[in-house]
Amino acid sequence: AHQQPAAVLRNADQLGAPHCGPAAPFESRDWFDAGTDCRSFAFLPLRTAYTFGLLGLGDESAERFHSGMGTVYLTRLAELASVATSRYLPPV
């Protein structure tokens, strides 16, 4: 069974920073066309006043995204993506 969007948002809301590593949480590996080839992942919560999405990045290189890497640029990417897409959200 696929995880429902509300459950994905709850997981994204719990992320205080981008999550990087070799494992794709829940069923997110299926989000990628080459998901079976991806060996590292980064998941960035998208939020403004509330969390409204999750940006997933995958790479075939096991070294691209790892738990010990700095996340300053990934955090900035999440901020920019959040602001750019939030204007398309329905009013709360």
PDB file of N, CA and C in Angstrom:
ATOM      1  N   ALA A   1       0.845  -1.191   0.000  1.00  0.00           N
ATOM      2  CA  ALA A   1       0.000   0.000   0.000  1.00  0.00           C
ATOM      3  C   ALA A   1       0.877   1.237   0.000  1.00  0.00           C
ATOM      4  N   HIS A   2       0.540   2.192  -0.846  1.00  0.00           N
ATOM      5  CA  HIS A   2       1.292   3.436  -0.911  1.00  0.00           C
ATOM      6  C   HIS A   2       0.931   4.328   0.260  1.00  0.00           C
ATOM      7  N   GLN A   3       1.934   5.050   0.727  1.00  0.00           N
ATOM      8  CA  GLN A   3       1.701   5.966   1.835  1.00  0.00           C
ATOM      9  C   GLN A   3       0.902   7.160   1.338  1.00  0.00           C
ATOM     10  N   GLN A   4      -0.091   7.562   2.071  1.00  0.00           N
ATOM     11  CA  GLN A   4      -0.972   8.659   1.699  1.00  0.00           C
ATOM     12  C   GLN A   4      -0.242   9.990   1.810  1.00  0.00           C
ATOM     13  N   PRO A   5      -0.644  10.990   0.994  1.00  0.00           N
ATOM     14  CA  PRO A   5       0.004  12.303   1.051  1.00  0.00           C
ATOM     15  C   PRO A   5       0.046  12.907   2.445  1.00  0.00           C
ATOM     16  N   ALA A   6      -0.989  12.719   3.237  1.00  0.00           N
ATOM     17  CA  ALA A   6      -0.985  13.284   4.593  1.00  0.00           C
ATOM     18  C   ALA A   6       0.135  12.685   5.424  1.00  0.00           C
ATOM     19  N   ALA A   7       0.396  11.397   5.266  1.00  0.00           N
ATOM     20  CA  ALA A   7       1.478  10.751   6.011  1.00  0.00           C
ATOM     21  C   ALA A   7       2.840  11.256   5.541  1.00  0.00           C
ATOM     22  N   VAL A   8       2.980  11.479   4.247  1.00  0.00           N
ATOM     23  CA  VAL A   8       4.235  12.022   3.710  1.00  0.00           C
ATOM     24  C   VAL A   8       4.463  13.420   4.273  1.00  0.00           C
ATOM     25  N   LEU A   9       3.411  14.235   4.325  1.00  0.00           N
ATOM     26  CA  LEU A   9       3.546  15.586   4.879  1.00  0.00           C
ATOM     27  C   LEU A   9       3.891  15.560   6.360  1.00  0.00           C
ATOM     28  N   ARG A  10       3.323  14.615   7.098  1.00  0.00           N
ATOM     29  CA  ARG A  10       3.685  14.498   8.520  1.00  0.00           C
ATOM     30  C   ARG A  10       5.170  14.164   8.655  1.00  0.00           C
ATOM     31  N   ASN A  11       5.656  13.250   7.828  1.00  0.00           N
ATOM     32  CA  ASN A  11       7.083  12.906   7.868  1.00  0.00           C
ATOM     33  C   ASN A  11       7.935  14.109   7.480  1.00  0.00           C
ATOM     34  N   ALA A  12       7.521  14.846   6.452  1.00  0.00           N
ATOM     35  CA  ALA A  12       8.267  16.031   6.019  1.00  0.00           C
ATOM     36  C   ALA A  12       8.273  17.088   7.114  1.00  0.00           C
ATOM     37  N   ASP A  13       7.151  17.225   7.801  1.00  0.00           N
ATOM     38  CA  ASP A  13       7.035  18.224   8.859  1.00  0.00           C
ATOM     39  C   ASP A  13       7.986  17.932  10.016  1.00  0.00           C
ATOM     40  N   GLN A  14       8.331  16.675  10.211  1.00  0.00           N
ATOM     41  CA  GLN A  14       9.229  16.285  11.294  1.00  0.00           C
ATOM     42  C   GLN A  14      10.698  16.533  10.956  1.00  0.00           C
ATOM     43  N   LEU A  15      10.995  16.782   9.688  1.00  0.00           N
ATOM     44  CA  LEU A  15      12.377  17.048   9.290  1.00  0.00           C
ATOM     45  C   LEU A  15      12.753  18.466   9.675  1.00  0.00           C
ATOM     46  N   GLY A  16      13.773  18.615  10.485  1.00  0.00           N
ATOM     47  CA  GLY A  16      14.264  19.935  10.836  1.00  0.00           C
ATOM     48  C   GLY A  16      15.261  20.455   9.823  1.00  0.00           C
ATOM     49  N   ALA A  17      15.805  19.557   9.019  1.00  0.00           N
ATOM     50  CA  ALA A  17      16.804  19.887   8.009  1.00  0.00           C
ATOM     51  C   ALA A  17      16.693  18.839   6.912  1.00  0.00           C
ATOM     52  N   PRO A  18      17.346  19.067   5.778  1.00  0.00           N
ATOM     53  CA  PRO A  18      17.316  18.044   4.739  1.00  0.00           C
ATOM     54  C   PRO A  18      17.818  16.698   5.268  1.00  0.00           C
ATOM     55  N   HIS A  19      17.177  15.630   4.825  1.00  0.00           N
ATOM     56  CA  HIS A  19      17.568  14.274   5.193  1.00  0.00           C
ATOM     57  C   HIS A  19      18.361  13.694   4.032  1.00  0.00           C
ATOM     58  N   CYS A  20      19.598  13.291   4.286  1.00  0.00           N
ATOM     59  CA  CYS A  20      20.474  12.753   3.245  1.00  0.00           C
ATOM     60  C   CYS A  20      20.959  11.368   3.644  1.00  0.00           C
ATOM     61  N   GLY A  21      21.067  10.481   2.654  1.00  0.00           N
ATOM     62  CA  GLY A  21      21.592   9.156   2.931  1.00  0.00           C
ATOM     63  C   GLY A  21      21.268   8.158   1.844  1.00  0.00           C
ATOM     64  N   PRO A  22      21.662   6.906   2.056  1.00  0.00           N
ATOM     65  CA  PRO A  22      21.481   5.870   1.043  1.00  0.00           C
ATOM     66  C   PRO A  22      20.080   5.276   0.995  1.00  0.00           C
ATOM     67  N   ALA A  23      19.285   5.510   2.017  1.00  0.00           N
ATOM     68  CA  ALA A  23      17.953   4.912   2.078  1.00  0.00           C
ATOM     69  C   ALA A  23      16.895   5.941   1.724  1.00  0.00           C
ATOM     70  N   ALA A  24      15.936   5.510   0.924  1.00  0.00           N
ATOM     71  CA  ALA A  24      14.797   6.364   0.596  1.00  0.00           C
ATOM     72  C   ALA A  24      13.675   6.027   1.571  1.00  0.00           C
ATOM     73  N   PRO A  25      13.243   7.010   2.391  1.00  0.00           N
ATOM     74  CA  PRO A  25      12.190   6.715   3.360  1.00  0.00           C
ATOM     75  C   PRO A  25      10.857   6.405   2.690  1.00  0.00           C
ATOM     76  N   PHE A  26      10.034   5.697   3.414  1.00  0.00           N
ATOM     77  CA  PHE A  26       8.730   5.202   2.977  1.00  0.00           C
ATOM     78  C   PHE A  26       8.840   4.672   1.559  1.00  0.00           C
ATOM     79  N   GLU A  27       7.960   4.972   0.658  1.00  0.00           N
ATOM     80  CA  GLU A  27       8.011   4.418  -0.700  1.00  0.00           C
ATOM     81  C   GLU A  27       8.512   5.436  -1.718  1.00  0.00           C
ATOM     82  N   SER A  28       9.322   6.374  -1.269  1.00  0.00           N
ATOM     83  CA  SER A  28       9.737   7.477  -2.130  1.00  0.00           C
ATOM     84  C   SER A  28      10.665   7.044  -3.259  1.00  0.00           C
ATOM     85  N   ARG A  29      11.295   5.899  -3.170  1.00  0.00           N
ATOM     86  CA  ARG A  29      12.145   5.421  -4.267  1.00  0.00           C
ATOM     87  C   ARG A  29      11.320   5.316  -5.552  1.00  0.00           C
ATOM     88  N   ASP A  30      10.045   5.030  -5.407  1.00  0.00           N
ATOM     89  CA  ASP A  30       9.158   4.912  -6.566  1.00  0.00           C
ATOM     90  C   ASP A  30       8.890   6.257  -7.234  1.00  0.00           C
ATOM     91  N   TRP A  31       9.234   7.364  -6.589  1.00  0.00           N
ATOM     92  CA  TRP A  31       9.019   8.680  -7.171  1.00  0.00           C
ATOM     93  C   TRP A  31       9.978   8.974  -8.318  1.00  0.00           C
ATOM     94  N   PHE A  32      11.075   8.235  -8.379  1.00  0.00           N
ATOM     95  CA  PHE A  32      12.138   8.510  -9.340  1.00  0.00           C
ATOM     96  C   PHE A  32      12.044   7.544 -10.517  1.00  0.00           C
ATOM     97  N   ASP A  33      12.180   8.089 -11.735  1.00  0.00           N
ATOM     98  CA  ASP A  33      12.157   7.227 -12.925  1.00  0.00           C
ATOM     99  C   ASP A  33      13.230   6.158 -12.845  1.00  0.00           C
ATOM    100  N   ALA A  34      14.401   6.530 -12.351  1.00  0.00           N
ATOM    101  CA  ALA A  34      15.517   5.584 -12.224  1.00  0.00           C
ATOM    102  C   ALA A  34      15.717   5.215 -10.763  1.00  0.00           C
ATOM    103  N   GLY A  35      14.614   5.055 -10.031  1.00  0.00           N
ATOM    104  CA  GLY A  35      14.687   4.803  -8.591  1.00  0.00           C
ATOM    105  C   GLY A  35      15.526   3.602  -8.213  1.00  0.00           C
ATOM    106  N   THR A  36      15.485   2.567  -9.025  1.00  0.00           N
ATOM    107  CA  THR A  36      16.274   1.380  -8.693  1.00  0.00           C
ATOM    108  C   THR A  36      17.764   1.631  -8.883  1.00  0.00           C
ATOM    109  N   ASP A  37      18.118   2.659  -9.691  1.00  0.00           N
ATOM    110  CA  ASP A  37      19.525   2.986  -9.914  1.00  0.00           C
ATOM    111  C   ASP A  37      20.055   3.997  -8.909  1.00  0.00           C
ATOM    112  N   CYS A  38      19.170   4.686  -8.213  1.00  0.00           N
ATOM    113  CA  CYS A  38      19.595   5.699  -7.246  1.00  0.00           C
ATOM    114  C   CYS A  38      20.222   5.027  -6.027  1.00  0.00           C
ATOM    115  N   ARG A  39      21.384   5.553  -5.628  1.00  0.00           N
ATOM    116  CA  ARG A  39      22.092   4.990  -4.479  1.00  0.00           C
ATOM    117  C   ARG A  39      22.244   5.984  -3.347  1.00  0.00           C
ATOM    118  N   SER A  40      21.820   7.237  -3.574  1.00  0.00           N
ATOM    119  CA  SER A  40      21.800   8.218  -2.486  1.00  0.00           C
ATOM    120  C   SER A  40      20.651   9.187  -2.724  1.00  0.00           C
ATOM    121  N   PHE A  41      20.129   9.708  -1.615  1.00  0.00           N
ATOM    122  CA  PHE A  41      18.936  10.538  -1.672  1.00  0.00           C
ATOM    123  C   PHE A  41      19.066  11.736  -0.739  1.00  0.00           C
ATOM    124  N   ALA A  42      18.356  12.808  -1.112  1.00  0.00           N
ATOM    125  CA  ALA A  42      18.192  13.963  -0.232  1.00  0.00           C
ATOM    126  C   ALA A  42      16.713  14.336  -0.284  1.00  0.00           C
ATOM    127  N   PHE A  43      16.129  14.538   0.876  1.00  0.00           N
ATOM    128  CA  PHE A  43      14.729  14.930   0.970  1.00  0.00           C
ATOM    129  C   PHE A  43      14.652  16.242   1.734  1.00  0.00           C
ATOM    130  N   LEU A  44      14.047  17.236   1.089  1.00  0.00           N
ATOM    131  CA  LEU A  44      14.003  18.590   1.620  1.00  0.00           C
ATOM    132  C   LEU A  44      12.552  18.976   1.898  1.00  0.00           C
ATOM    133  N   PRO A  45      12.240  19.333   3.136  1.00  0.00           N
ATOM    134  CA  PRO A  45      10.873  19.760   3.430  1.00  0.00           C
ATOM    135  C   PRO A  45      10.593  21.118   2.794  1.00  0.00           C
ATOM    136  N   LEU A  46       9.415  21.243   2.216  1.00  0.00           N
ATOM    137  CA  LEU A  46       8.980  22.516   1.646  1.00  0.00           C
ATOM    138  C   LEU A  46       7.984  23.134   2.611  1.00  0.00           C
ATOM    139  N   ARG A  47       8.297  24.335   3.074  1.00  0.00           N
ATOM    140  CA  ARG A  47       7.419  24.969   4.069  1.00  0.00           C
ATOM    141  C   ARG A  47       7.527  26.479   4.005  1.00  0.00           C
ATOM    142  N   THR A  48       6.442  27.084   4.399  1.00  0.00           N
ATOM    143  CA  THR A  48       6.391  28.524   4.649  1.00  0.00           C
ATOM    144  C   THR A  48       5.883  28.632   6.081  1.00  0.00           C
ATOM    145  N   ALA A  49       4.617  28.978   6.260  1.00  0.00           N
ATOM    146  CA  ALA A  49       4.039  28.983   7.613  1.00  0.00           C
ATOM    147  C   ALA A  49       3.741  27.552   8.073  1.00  0.00           C
ATOM    148  N   TYR A  50       3.627  26.635   7.131  1.00  0.00           N
ATOM    149  CA  TYR A  50       3.383  25.219   7.430  1.00  0.00           C
ATOM    150  C   TYR A  50       4.067  24.381   6.351  1.00  0.00           C
ATOM    151  N   THR A  51       4.288  23.120   6.619  1.00  0.00           N
ATOM    152  CA  THR A  51       4.912  22.219   5.656  1.00  0.00           C
ATOM    153  C   THR A  51       3.866  21.811   4.632  1.00  0.00           C
ATOM    154  N   PHE A  52       4.176  22.018   3.350  1.00  0.00           N
ATOM    155  CA  PHE A  52       3.220  21.692   2.305  1.00  0.00           C
ATOM    156  C   PHE A  52       3.748  20.706   1.274  1.00  0.00           C
ATOM    157  N   GLY A  53       4.995  20.291   1.411  1.00  0.00           N
ATOM    158  CA  GLY A  53       5.532  19.361   0.427  1.00  0.00           C
ATOM    159  C   GLY A  53       6.891  18.829   0.811  1.00  0.00           C
ATOM    160  N   LEU A  54       7.420  18.016  -0.078  1.00  0.00           N
ATOM    161  CA  LEU A  54       8.720  17.392   0.125  1.00  0.00           C
ATOM    162  C   LEU A  54       9.399  17.297  -1.235  1.00  0.00           C
ATOM    163  N   LEU A  55      10.602  17.845  -1.340  1.00  0.00           N
ATOM    164  CA  LEU A  55      11.376  17.777  -2.571  1.00  0.00           C
ATOM    165  C   LEU A  55      12.373  16.638  -2.427  1.00  0.00           C
ATOM    166  N   GLY A  56      12.317  15.694  -3.335  1.00  0.00           N
ATOM    167  CA  GLY A  56      13.220  14.550  -3.291  1.00  0.00           C
ATOM    168  C   GLY A  56      14.246  14.629  -4.403  1.00  0.00           C
ATOM    169  N   LEU A  57      15.505  14.392  -4.059  1.00  0.00           N
ATOM    170  CA  LEU A  57      16.600  14.351  -5.023  1.00  0.00           C
ATOM    171  C   LEU A  57      17.256  12.979  -4.913  1.00  0.00           C
ATOM    172  N   GLY A  58      17.578  12.381  -6.039  1.00  0.00           N
ATOM    173  CA  GLY A  58      18.241  11.085  -6.035  1.00  0.00           C
ATOM    174  C   GLY A  58      19.415  11.096  -6.989  1.00  0.00           C
ATOM    175  N   ASP A  59      20.416  10.272  -6.697  1.00  0.00           N
ATOM    176  CA  ASP A  59      21.600  10.205  -7.546  1.00  0.00           C
ATOM    177  C   ASP A  59      22.122   8.785  -7.600  1.00  0.00           C
ATOM    178  N   GLU A  60      22.714   8.447  -8.726  1.00  0.00           N
ATOM    179  CA  GLU A  60      23.293   7.114  -8.884  1.00  0.00           C
ATOM    180  C   GLU A  60      24.574   6.946  -8.076  1.00  0.00           C
ATOM    181  N   SER A  61      25.188   8.060  -7.694  1.00  0.00           N
ATOM    182  CA  SER A  61      26.412   8.003  -6.898  1.00  0.00           C
ATOM    183  C   SER A  61      26.074   7.859  -5.417  1.00  0.00           C
ATOM    184  N   ALA A  62      26.665   6.881  -4.782  1.00  0.00           N
ATOM    185  CA  ALA A  62      26.431   6.671  -3.348  1.00  0.00           C
ATOM    186  C   ALA A  62      27.033   7.790  -2.509  1.00  0.00           C
ATOM    187  N   GLU A  63      27.961   8.557  -3.073  1.00  0.00           N
ATOM    188  CA  GLU A  63      28.627   9.623  -2.338  1.00  0.00           C
ATOM    189  C   GLU A  63      27.954  10.984  -2.503  1.00  0.00           C
ATOM    190  N   ARG A  64      27.003  11.117  -3.415  1.00  0.00           N
ATOM    191  CA  ARG A  64      26.403  12.431  -3.685  1.00  0.00           C
ATOM    192  C   ARG A  64      25.702  12.988  -2.445  1.00  0.00           C
ATOM    193  N   PHE A  65      24.789  12.221  -1.867  1.00  0.00           N
ATOM    194  CA  PHE A  65      24.057  12.649  -0.677  1.00  0.00           C
ATOM    195  C   PHE A  65      24.337  11.654   0.440  1.00  0.00           C
ATOM    196  N   HIS A  66      24.958  12.117   1.517  1.00  0.00           N
ATOM    197  CA  HIS A  66      25.257  11.227   2.639  1.00  0.00           C
ATOM    198  C   HIS A  66      24.992  11.945   3.950  1.00  0.00           C
ATOM    199  N   SER A  67      24.833  11.175   5.002  1.00  0.00           N
ATOM    200  CA  SER A  67      24.405  11.733   6.289  1.00  0.00           C
ATOM    201  C   SER A  67      25.414  12.707   6.894  1.00  0.00           C
ATOM    202  N   GLY A  68      26.674  12.619   6.523  1.00  0.00           N
ATOM    203  CA  GLY A  68      27.686  13.492   7.100  1.00  0.00           C
ATOM    204  C   GLY A  68      27.942  14.764   6.307  1.00  0.00           C
ATOM    205  N   MET A  69      27.193  14.972   5.245  1.00  0.00           N
ATOM    206  CA  MET A  69      27.470  16.137   4.399  1.00  0.00           C
ATOM    207  C   MET A  69      26.827  17.402   4.957  1.00  0.00           C
ATOM    208  N   GLY A  70      27.380  18.528   4.585  1.00  0.00           N
ATOM    209  CA  GLY A  70      26.779  19.803   4.959  1.00  0.00           C
ATOM    210  C   GLY A  70      25.493  20.023   4.169  1.00  0.00           C
ATOM    211  N   THR A  71      24.556  20.700   4.768  1.00  0.00           N
ATOM    212  CA  THR A  71      23.262  20.886   4.115  1.00  0.00           C
ATOM    213  C   THR A  71      22.891  22.353   3.907  1.00  0.00           C
ATOM    214  N   VAL A  72      23.870  23.242   3.977  1.00  0.00           N
ATOM    215  CA  VAL A  72      23.585  24.673   3.817  1.00  0.00           C
ATOM    216  C   VAL A  72      22.941  24.940   2.465  1.00  0.00           C
ATOM    217  N   TYR A  73      23.509  24.411   1.388  1.00  0.00           N
ATOM    218  CA  TYR A  73      22.972  24.665   0.055  1.00  0.00           C
ATOM    219  C   TYR A  73      21.649  23.941  -0.174  1.00  0.00           C
ATOM    220  N   LEU A  74      21.505  22.751   0.373  1.00  0.00           N
ATOM    221  CA  LEU A  74      20.231  22.041   0.258  1.00  0.00           C
ATOM    222  C   LEU A  74      19.134  22.774   1.026  1.00  0.00           C
ATOM    223  N   THR A  75      19.473  23.321   2.175  1.00  0.00           N
ATOM    224  CA  THR A  75      18.510  24.100   2.950  1.00  0.00           C
ATOM    225  C   THR A  75      18.091  25.334   2.168  1.00  0.00           C
ATOM    226  N   ARG A  76      19.052  26.002   1.549  1.00  0.00           N
ATOM    227  CA  ARG A  76      18.737  27.192   0.747  1.00  0.00           C
ATOM    228  C   ARG A  76      17.878  26.812  -0.455  1.00  0.00           C
ATOM    229  N   LEU A  77      18.180  25.694  -1.102  1.00  0.00           N
ATOM    230  CA  LEU A  77      17.376  25.211  -2.215  1.00  0.00           C
ATOM    231  C   LEU A  77      15.934  24.966  -1.760  1.00  0.00           C
ATOM    232  N   ALA A  78      15.769  24.366  -0.584  1.00  0.00           N
ATOM    233  CA  ALA A  78      14.427  24.115  -0.044  1.00  0.00           C
ATOM    234  C   ALA A  78      13.700  25.432   0.220  1.00  0.00           C
ATOM    235  N   GLU A  79      14.406  26.420   0.737  1.00  0.00           N
ATOM    236  CA  GLU A  79      13.784  27.728   0.986  1.00  0.00           C
ATOM    237  C   GLU A  79      13.325  28.371  -0.316  1.00  0.00           C
ATOM    238  N   LEU A  80      14.183  28.351  -1.330  1.00  0.00           N
ATOM    239  CA  LEU A  80      13.832  28.958  -2.612  1.00  0.00           C
ATOM    240  C   LEU A  80      12.674  28.220  -3.283  1.00  0.00           C
ATOM    241  N   ALA A  81      12.718  26.894  -3.254  1.00  0.00           N
ATOM    242  CA  ALA A  81      11.640  26.093  -3.844  1.00  0.00           C
ATOM    243  C   ALA A  81      10.332  26.329  -3.092  1.00  0.00           C
ATOM    244  N   SER A  82      10.412  26.485  -1.787  1.00  0.00           N
ATOM    245  CA  SER A  82       9.211  26.731  -0.980  1.00  0.00           C
ATOM    246  C   SER A  82       8.555  28.050  -1.357  1.00  0.00           C
ATOM    247  N   VAL A  83       9.359  29.101  -1.445  1.00  0.00           N
ATOM    248  CA  VAL A  83       8.821  30.422  -1.780  1.00  0.00           C
ATOM    249  C   VAL A  83       8.278  30.421  -3.209  1.00  0.00           C
ATOM    250  N   ALA A  84       9.001  29.785  -4.129  1.00  0.00           N
ATOM    251  CA  ALA A  84       8.589  29.784  -5.534  1.00  0.00           C
ATOM    252  C   ALA A  84       7.284  29.027  -5.754  1.00  0.00           C
ATOM    253  N   THR A  85       7.060  27.970  -5.001  1.00  0.00           N
ATOM    254  CA  THR A  85       5.853  27.162  -5.218  1.00  0.00           C
ATOM    255  C   THR A  85       4.700  27.537  -4.296  1.00  0.00           C
ATOM    256  N   SER A  86       4.979  28.204  -3.204  1.00  0.00           N
ATOM    257  CA  SER A  86       3.916  28.500  -2.231  1.00  0.00           C
ATOM    258  C   SER A  86       2.847  29.421  -2.814  1.00  0.00           C
ATOM    259  N   ARG A  87       3.177  30.211  -3.790  1.00  0.00           N
ATOM    260  CA  ARG A  87       2.173  31.120  -4.358  1.00  0.00           C
ATOM    261  C   ARG A  87       1.086  30.368  -5.124  1.00  0.00           C
ATOM    262  N   TYR A  88       1.326  29.097  -5.425  1.00  0.00           N
ATOM    263  CA  TYR A  88       0.329  28.284  -6.112  1.00  0.00           C
ATOM    264  C   TYR A  88      -0.557  27.501  -5.149  1.00  0.00           C
ATOM    265  N   LEU A  89      -0.300  27.635  -3.860  1.00  0.00           N
ATOM    266  CA  LEU A  89      -1.101  26.924  -2.873  1.00  0.00           C
ATOM    267  C   LEU A  89      -2.423  27.643  -2.648  1.00  0.00           C
ATOM    268  N   PRO A  90      -3.466  26.882  -2.329  1.00  0.00           N
ATOM    269  CA  PRO A  90      -4.735  27.543  -2.009  1.00  0.00           C
ATOM    270  C   PRO A  90      -4.597  28.307  -0.698  1.00  0.00           C
ATOM    271  N   PRO A  91      -5.365  29.368  -0.519  1.00  0.00           N
ATOM    272  CA  PRO A  91      -5.316  30.122   0.740  1.00  0.00           C
ATOM    273  C   PRO A  91      -5.716  29.232   1.915  1.00  0.00           C
ATOM    274  N   VAL A  92      -5.095  29.491   3.040  1.00  0.00           N
ATOM    275  CA  VAL A  92      -5.388  28.694   4.230  1.00  0.00           C
ATOM    276  C   VAL A  92      -6.558  29.283   4.975  1.00  0.00           C
TER     277      VAL A  92
END
